[in-house]
């Protein structure tokens, strides 16, 4: 059913895509963010649990609040990006299993009753959804600038207070400039990164 993407599409999604550290002033609209969601929501997750939660930080006040909680090297990246997304994962994701997995979700809740199991699953599957979000953004012509380097507890308190959502990573979205673009670094080969079994 599926056919391979053309080389230009593969370059846009993977081989020519770069982590951006600076941005043009071209805006990103709410409609574009909703388009990203409409694509990334199809990421596969265990039991269709969809534990990722996204805060699309668009306002100057929101970006300033987030930047104040980030490492100094990341502050200008956050402030300069048209949008910076906080990708989190909801430790209470099992509460929505009936909605997301009709007919089976209630029976699956005991799988995640243990807090440690729920945390592992939320982090793993939320990370997967975050990666799909980046691919969706690239597919729609946007650049991404994913980063760690922030105070997790402070971001949780500032943006997820009163919830069981925990921040995973953040990602600038927009139209990247080549300013502060690092040379492409090496990657592991197939045989260095894995093996056939």
C-alpha atoms as a PDB file:
ATOM      1  CA  UNK A   1       0.000   0.000   0.000  1.00  0.00           C
ATOM      2  CA  UNK A   2       2.705   2.515   0.970  1.00  0.00           C
ATOM      3  CA  UNK A   3       5.323   3.672  -1.488  1.00  0.00           C
ATOM      4  CA  UNK A   4       8.724   5.107  -0.542  1.00  0.00           C
ATOM      5  CA  UNK A   5       8.934   8.878  -0.231  1.00  0.00           C
ATOM      6  CA  UNK A   6      10.875  10.766  -2.854  1.00  0.00           C
ATOM      7  CA  UNK A   7      14.456  11.802  -1.949  1.00  0.00           C
ATOM      8  CA  UNK A   8      13.449  15.453  -1.445  1.00  0.00           C
ATOM      9  CA  UNK A   9      10.911  14.446   1.200  1.00  0.00           C
ATOM     10  CA  UNK A  10      13.437  12.228   2.961  1.00  0.00           C
ATOM     11  CA  UNK A  11      15.911  15.099   3.003  1.00  0.00           C
ATOM     12  CA  UNK A  12      13.304  17.474   4.474  1.00  0.00           C
ATOM     13  CA  UNK A  13      12.385  15.033   7.219  1.00  0.00           C
ATOM     14  CA  UNK A  14      15.786  13.536   7.965  1.00  0.00           C
ATOM     15  CA  UNK A  15      19.090  13.991   6.169  1.00  0.00           C
ATOM     16  CA  UNK A  16      18.932  17.738   5.439  1.00  0.00           C
ATOM     17  CA  UNK A  17      16.957  18.688   8.575  1.00  0.00           C
ATOM     18  CA  UNK A  18      19.005  20.493  11.209  1.00  0.00           C
ATOM     19  CA  UNK A  19      18.545  21.469  14.840  1.00  0.00           C
ATOM     20  CA  UNK A  20      17.997  25.220  14.705  1.00  0.00           C
ATOM     21  CA  UNK A  21      19.451  27.602  17.267  1.00  0.00           C
ATOM     22  CA  UNK A  22      18.209  30.838  15.679  1.00  0.00           C
ATOM     23  CA  UNK A  23      15.063  31.859  13.862  1.00  0.00           C
ATOM     24  CA  UNK A  24      13.709  34.244  11.262  1.00  0.00           C
ATOM     25  CA  UNK A  25      10.864  36.559  12.242  1.00  0.00           C
ATOM     26  CA  UNK A  26       8.365  34.701  10.032  1.00  0.00           C
ATOM     27  CA  UNK A  27       5.412  33.807  12.267  1.00  0.00           C
ATOM     28  CA  UNK A  28       3.831  30.431  12.928  1.00  0.00           C
ATOM     29  CA  UNK A  29       0.040  30.431  13.116  1.00  0.00           C
ATOM     30  CA  UNK A  30      -2.295  28.580  15.430  1.00  0.00           C
ATOM     31  CA  UNK A  31      -3.650  26.836  12.336  1.00  0.00           C
ATOM     32  CA  UNK A  32      -0.179  25.431  11.637  1.00  0.00           C
ATOM     33  CA  UNK A  33       0.083  24.153  15.208  1.00  0.00           C
ATOM     34  CA  UNK A  34      -3.288  22.454  14.842  1.00  0.00           C
ATOM     35  CA  UNK A  35      -2.088  20.895  11.571  1.00  0.00           C
ATOM     36  CA  UNK A  36       0.961  19.544  13.383  1.00  0.00           C
ATOM     37  CA  UNK A  37      -1.320  17.990  15.984  1.00  0.00           C
ATOM     38  CA  UNK A  38      -3.570  16.452  13.329  1.00  0.00           C
ATOM     39  CA  UNK A  39      -0.563  14.571  11.955  1.00  0.00           C
ATOM     40  CA  UNK A  40       1.312  13.707  15.140  1.00  0.00           C
ATOM     41  CA  UNK A  41      -1.753  12.354  16.935  1.00  0.00           C
ATOM     42  CA  UNK A  42      -1.380   9.171  14.888  1.00  0.00           C
ATOM     43  CA  UNK A  43       1.859   8.215  16.640  1.00  0.00           C
ATOM     44  CA  UNK A  44       1.620   4.638  17.950  1.00  0.00           C
ATOM     45  CA  UNK A  45       1.461   4.364  21.733  1.00  0.00           C
ATOM     46  CA  UNK A  46       0.916   1.426  24.103  1.00  0.00           C
ATOM     47  CA  UNK A  47      -2.816   0.675  24.362  1.00  0.00           C
ATOM     48  CA  UNK A  48      -3.361   3.883  22.368  1.00  0.00           C
ATOM     49  CA  UNK A  49      -2.678   5.659  25.661  1.00  0.00           C
ATOM     50  CA  UNK A  50      -1.487   8.969  24.126  1.00  0.00           C
ATOM     51  CA  UNK A  51       0.241  10.223  27.302  1.00  0.00           C
ATOM     52  CA  UNK A  52       1.993  13.244  25.760  1.00  0.00           C
ATOM     53  CA  UNK A  53       0.734  16.711  26.606  1.00  0.00           C
ATOM     54  CA  UNK A  54       1.832  19.824  24.738  1.00  0.00           C
ATOM     55  CA  UNK A  55       2.057  23.441  25.817  1.00  0.00           C
ATOM     56  CA  UNK A  56       2.471  25.604  22.709  1.00  0.00           C
ATOM     57  CA  UNK A  57       4.229  28.645  24.162  1.00  0.00           C
ATOM     58  CA  UNK A  58       3.506  31.474  21.718  1.00  0.00           C
ATOM     59  CA  UNK A  59       3.182  34.642  23.794  1.00  0.00           C
ATOM     60  CA  UNK A  60       6.108  36.856  24.715  1.00  0.00           C
ATOM     61  CA  UNK A  61       5.163  36.511  28.387  1.00  0.00           C
ATOM     62  CA  UNK A  62       5.042  32.720  28.162  1.00  0.00           C
ATOM     63  CA  UNK A  63       8.389  32.527  26.387  1.00  0.00           C
ATOM     64  CA  UNK A  64       9.973  34.862  28.942  1.00  0.00           C
ATOM     65  CA  UNK A  65       8.647  32.705  31.778  1.00  0.00           C
ATOM     66  CA  UNK A  66       9.998  29.540  30.142  1.00  0.00           C
ATOM     67  CA  UNK A  67      13.339  31.100  29.217  1.00  0.00           C
ATOM     68  CA  UNK A  68      13.898  32.143  32.828  1.00  0.00           C
ATOM     69  CA  UNK A  69      13.725  28.445  33.778  1.00  0.00           C
ATOM     70  CA  UNK A  70      16.193  27.306  31.101  1.00  0.00           C
ATOM     71  CA  UNK A  71      19.958  27.090  30.944  1.00  0.00           C
ATOM     72  CA  UNK A  72      21.527  30.353  29.859  1.00  0.00           C
ATOM     73  CA  UNK A  73      22.590  28.883  26.503  1.00  0.00           C
ATOM     74  CA  UNK A  74      18.965  28.014  25.708  1.00  0.00           C
ATOM     75  CA  UNK A  75      17.308  31.292  26.688  1.00  0.00           C
ATOM     76  CA  UNK A  76      17.854  33.114  23.396  1.00  0.00           C
ATOM     77  CA  UNK A  77      16.658  30.046  21.482  1.00  0.00           C
ATOM     78  CA  UNK A  78      13.377  30.064  23.401  1.00  0.00           C
ATOM     79  CA  UNK A  79      12.883  33.821  23.150  1.00  0.00           C
ATOM     80  CA  UNK A  80      13.731  33.892  19.438  1.00  0.00           C
ATOM     81  CA  UNK A  81      11.525  31.015  18.314  1.00  0.00           C
ATOM     82  CA  UNK A  82       8.017  31.904  17.132  1.00  0.00           C
ATOM     83  CA  UNK A  83       6.759  28.972  19.225  1.00  0.00           C
ATOM     84  CA  UNK A  84       8.441  26.823  21.829  1.00  0.00           C
ATOM     85  CA  UNK A  85       6.622  23.604  22.690  1.00  0.00           C
ATOM     86  CA  UNK A  86       6.889  21.977  26.092  1.00  0.00           C
ATOM     87  CA  UNK A  87       6.472  18.245  25.541  1.00  0.00           C
ATOM     88  CA  UNK A  88       5.283  16.579  28.709  1.00  0.00           C
ATOM     89  CA  UNK A  89       3.776  13.258  29.684  1.00  0.00           C
ATOM     90  CA  UNK A  90       0.759  12.712  31.906  1.00  0.00           C
ATOM     91  CA  UNK A  91       1.342  10.192  34.678  1.00  0.00           C
ATOM     92  CA  UNK A  92      -2.462   9.934  34.958  1.00  0.00           C
ATOM     93  CA  UNK A  93      -2.843   8.953  31.294  1.00  0.00           C
ATOM     94  CA  UNK A  94      -4.732   5.773  32.226  1.00  0.00           C
ATOM     95  CA  UNK A  95      -7.726   7.917  33.219  1.00  0.00           C
ATOM     96  CA  UNK A  96      -8.409   8.411  29.498  1.00  0.00           C
ATOM     97  CA  UNK A  97      -8.039   4.808  28.391  1.00  0.00           C
ATOM     98  CA  UNK A  98     -11.799   4.244  28.100  1.00  0.00           C
ATOM     99  CA  UNK A  99     -12.005   7.231  25.741  1.00  0.00           C
ATOM    100  CA  UNK A 100      -8.941   6.232  23.710  1.00  0.00           C
ATOM    101  CA  UNK A 101      -9.440   2.478  23.631  1.00  0.00           C
ATOM    102  CA  UNK A 102     -13.220   1.909  23.692  1.00  0.00           C
ATOM    103  CA  UNK A 103     -14.313  -1.481  24.932  1.00  0.00           C
ATOM    104  CA  UNK A 104     -10.854  -2.421  26.218  1.00  0.00           C
ATOM    105  CA  UNK A 105      -9.535   0.614  28.075  1.00  0.00           C
ATOM    106  CA  UNK A 106     -11.172  -0.108  31.416  1.00  0.00           C
ATOM    107  CA  UNK A 107      -9.630  -3.568  31.476  1.00  0.00           C
ATOM    108  CA  UNK A 108      -6.214  -2.125  30.663  1.00  0.00           C
ATOM    109  CA  UNK A 109      -6.146   0.317  33.571  1.00  0.00           C
ATOM    110  CA  UNK A 110      -4.697  -2.286  35.996  1.00  0.00           C
ATOM    111  CA  UNK A 111      -1.659  -2.577  33.712  1.00  0.00           C
ATOM    112  CA  UNK A 112      -0.712   0.943  34.761  1.00  0.00           C
ATOM    113  CA  UNK A 113      -1.868   0.879  38.396  1.00  0.00           C
ATOM    114  CA  UNK A 114       1.709   0.611  39.617  1.00  0.00           C
ATOM    115  CA  UNK A 115       3.135   4.189  39.620  1.00  0.00           C
ATOM    116  CA  UNK A 116       6.557   3.011  38.422  1.00  0.00           C
ATOM    117  CA  UNK A 117       5.031   1.157  35.458  1.00  0.00           C
ATOM    118  CA  UNK A 118       2.850   4.158  34.628  1.00  0.00           C
ATOM    119  CA  UNK A 119       5.855   6.496  34.734  1.00  0.00           C
ATOM    120  CA  UNK A 120       7.945   4.308  32.434  1.00  0.00           C
ATOM    121  CA  UNK A 121       5.094   3.941  29.953  1.00  0.00           C
ATOM    122  CA  UNK A 122       4.187   7.647  30.030  1.00  0.00           C
ATOM    123  CA  UNK A 123       7.790   8.707  29.457  1.00  0.00           C
ATOM    124  CA  UNK A 124       8.450   6.165  26.701  1.00  0.00           C
ATOM    125  CA  UNK A 125       5.253   6.764  24.758  1.00  0.00           C
ATOM    126  CA  UNK A 126       5.247  10.518  25.356  1.00  0.00           C
ATOM    127  CA  UNK A 127       8.790  10.682  23.939  1.00  0.00           C
ATOM    128  CA  UNK A 128       7.587   8.807  20.875  1.00  0.00           C
ATOM    129  CA  UNK A 129       4.763  11.302  20.425  1.00  0.00           C
ATOM    130  CA  UNK A 130       7.226  14.173  20.818  1.00  0.00           C
ATOM    131  CA  UNK A 131       9.366  12.725  18.032  1.00  0.00           C
ATOM    132  CA  UNK A 132       6.290  12.403  15.816  1.00  0.00           C
ATOM    133  CA  UNK A 133       5.472  16.045  16.585  1.00  0.00           C
ATOM    134  CA  UNK A 134       8.875  17.062  15.238  1.00  0.00           C
ATOM    135  CA  UNK A 135       8.438  14.978  12.091  1.00  0.00           C
ATOM    136  CA  UNK A 136       4.981  16.482  11.548  1.00  0.00           C
ATOM    137  CA  UNK A 137       6.405  19.989  11.900  1.00  0.00           C
ATOM    138  CA  UNK A 138       9.165  19.223   9.402  1.00  0.00           C
ATOM    139  CA  UNK A 139       6.670  17.643   7.013  1.00  0.00           C
ATOM    140  CA  UNK A 140       4.703  20.913   7.093  1.00  0.00           C
ATOM    141  CA  UNK A 141       7.799  22.971   6.257  1.00  0.00           C
ATOM    142  CA  UNK A 142       8.825  24.114   9.735  1.00  0.00           C
ATOM    143  CA  UNK A 143      12.184  23.755  11.432  1.00  0.00           C
ATOM    144  CA  UNK A 144      12.728  22.341  14.921  1.00  0.00           C
ATOM    145  CA  UNK A 145      15.104  23.150  17.727  1.00  0.00           C
ATOM    146  CA  UNK A 146      14.732  20.433  20.385  1.00  0.00           C
ATOM    147  CA  UNK A 147      16.546  20.920  23.672  1.00  0.00           C
ATOM    148  CA  UNK A 148      16.944  19.818  27.231  1.00  0.00           C
ATOM    149  CA  UNK A 149      18.734  22.167  29.590  1.00  0.00           C
ATOM    150  CA  UNK A 150      15.945  23.490  31.792  1.00  0.00           C
ATOM    151  CA  UNK A 151      14.798  23.114  35.373  1.00  0.00           C
ATOM    152  CA  UNK A 152      12.260  20.300  35.129  1.00  0.00           C
ATOM    153  CA  UNK A 153      10.698  20.849  38.534  1.00  0.00           C
ATOM    154  CA  UNK A 154      10.358  24.586  37.927  1.00  0.00           C
ATOM    155  CA  UNK A 155       8.794  24.074  34.489  1.00  0.00           C
ATOM    156  CA  UNK A 156       6.370  21.543  35.989  1.00  0.00           C
ATOM    157  CA  UNK A 157       5.408  24.054  38.674  1.00  0.00           C
ATOM    158  CA  UNK A 158       5.040  26.945  36.210  1.00  0.00           C
ATOM    159  CA  UNK A 159       3.177  25.190  33.404  1.00  0.00           C
ATOM    160  CA  UNK A 160       1.691  21.972  34.840  1.00  0.00           C
ATOM    161  CA  UNK A 161       0.701  22.988  38.386  1.00  0.00           C
ATOM    162  CA  UNK A 162      -2.174  20.935  39.788  1.00  0.00           C
ATOM    163  CA  UNK A 163      -1.665  18.109  37.298  1.00  0.00           C
ATOM    164  CA  UNK A 164       0.363  14.915  37.124  1.00  0.00           C
ATOM    165  CA  UNK A 165       2.049  16.068  33.913  1.00  0.00           C
ATOM    166  CA  UNK A 166       5.835  16.162  33.882  1.00  0.00           C
ATOM    167  CA  UNK A 167       8.009  17.990  31.341  1.00  0.00           C
ATOM    168  CA  UNK A 168      10.179  15.822  29.096  1.00  0.00           C
ATOM    169  CA  UNK A 169      11.856  18.172  26.601  1.00  0.00           C
ATOM    170  CA  UNK A 170      11.198  21.437  24.826  1.00  0.00           C
ATOM    171  CA  UNK A 171      11.356  22.288  21.143  1.00  0.00           C
ATOM    172  CA  UNK A 172      11.463  25.547  19.235  1.00  0.00           C
ATOM    173  CA  UNK A 173       9.342  25.686  16.090  1.00  0.00           C
ATOM    174  CA  UNK A 174       9.522  28.134  13.228  1.00  0.00           C
ATOM    175  CA  UNK A 175      11.574  28.985  10.189  1.00  0.00           C
ATOM    176  CA  UNK A 176      15.205  28.567  11.128  1.00  0.00           C
ATOM    177  CA  UNK A 177      18.022  30.875  10.198  1.00  0.00           C
ATOM    178  CA  UNK A 178      21.538  29.621   9.545  1.00  0.00           C
ATOM    179  CA  UNK A 179      22.850  31.832  12.338  1.00  0.00           C
ATOM    180  CA  UNK A 180      24.592  29.726  14.991  1.00  0.00           C
ATOM    181  CA  UNK A 181      24.094  26.595  12.896  1.00  0.00           C
ATOM    182  CA  UNK A 182      26.747  24.089  13.897  1.00  0.00           C
ATOM    183  CA  UNK A 183      28.523  21.901  11.333  1.00  0.00           C
ATOM    184  CA  UNK A 184      26.859  18.539  10.878  1.00  0.00           C
ATOM    185  CA  UNK A 185      28.342  16.161  13.428  1.00  0.00           C
ATOM    186  CA  UNK A 186      29.136  12.468  12.808  1.00  0.00           C
ATOM    187  CA  UNK A 187      26.602   9.702  13.345  1.00  0.00           C
ATOM    188  CA  UNK A 188      27.129   6.036  14.132  1.00  0.00           C
ATOM    189  CA  UNK A 189      27.090   3.586  11.231  1.00  0.00           C
ATOM    190  CA  UNK A 190      24.590   0.751  10.994  1.00  0.00           C
ATOM    191  CA  UNK A 191      27.139  -1.695  12.407  1.00  0.00           C
ATOM    192  CA  UNK A 192      28.258   0.637  15.191  1.00  0.00           C
ATOM    193  CA  UNK A 193      24.715   1.310  16.354  1.00  0.00           C
ATOM    194  CA  UNK A 194      23.322  -2.206  16.117  1.00  0.00           C
ATOM    195  CA  UNK A 195      23.605  -5.717  14.827  1.00  0.00           C
ATOM    196  CA  UNK A 196      21.564  -8.434  13.193  1.00  0.00           C
ATOM    197  CA  UNK A 197      20.300 -11.213  15.450  1.00  0.00           C
END
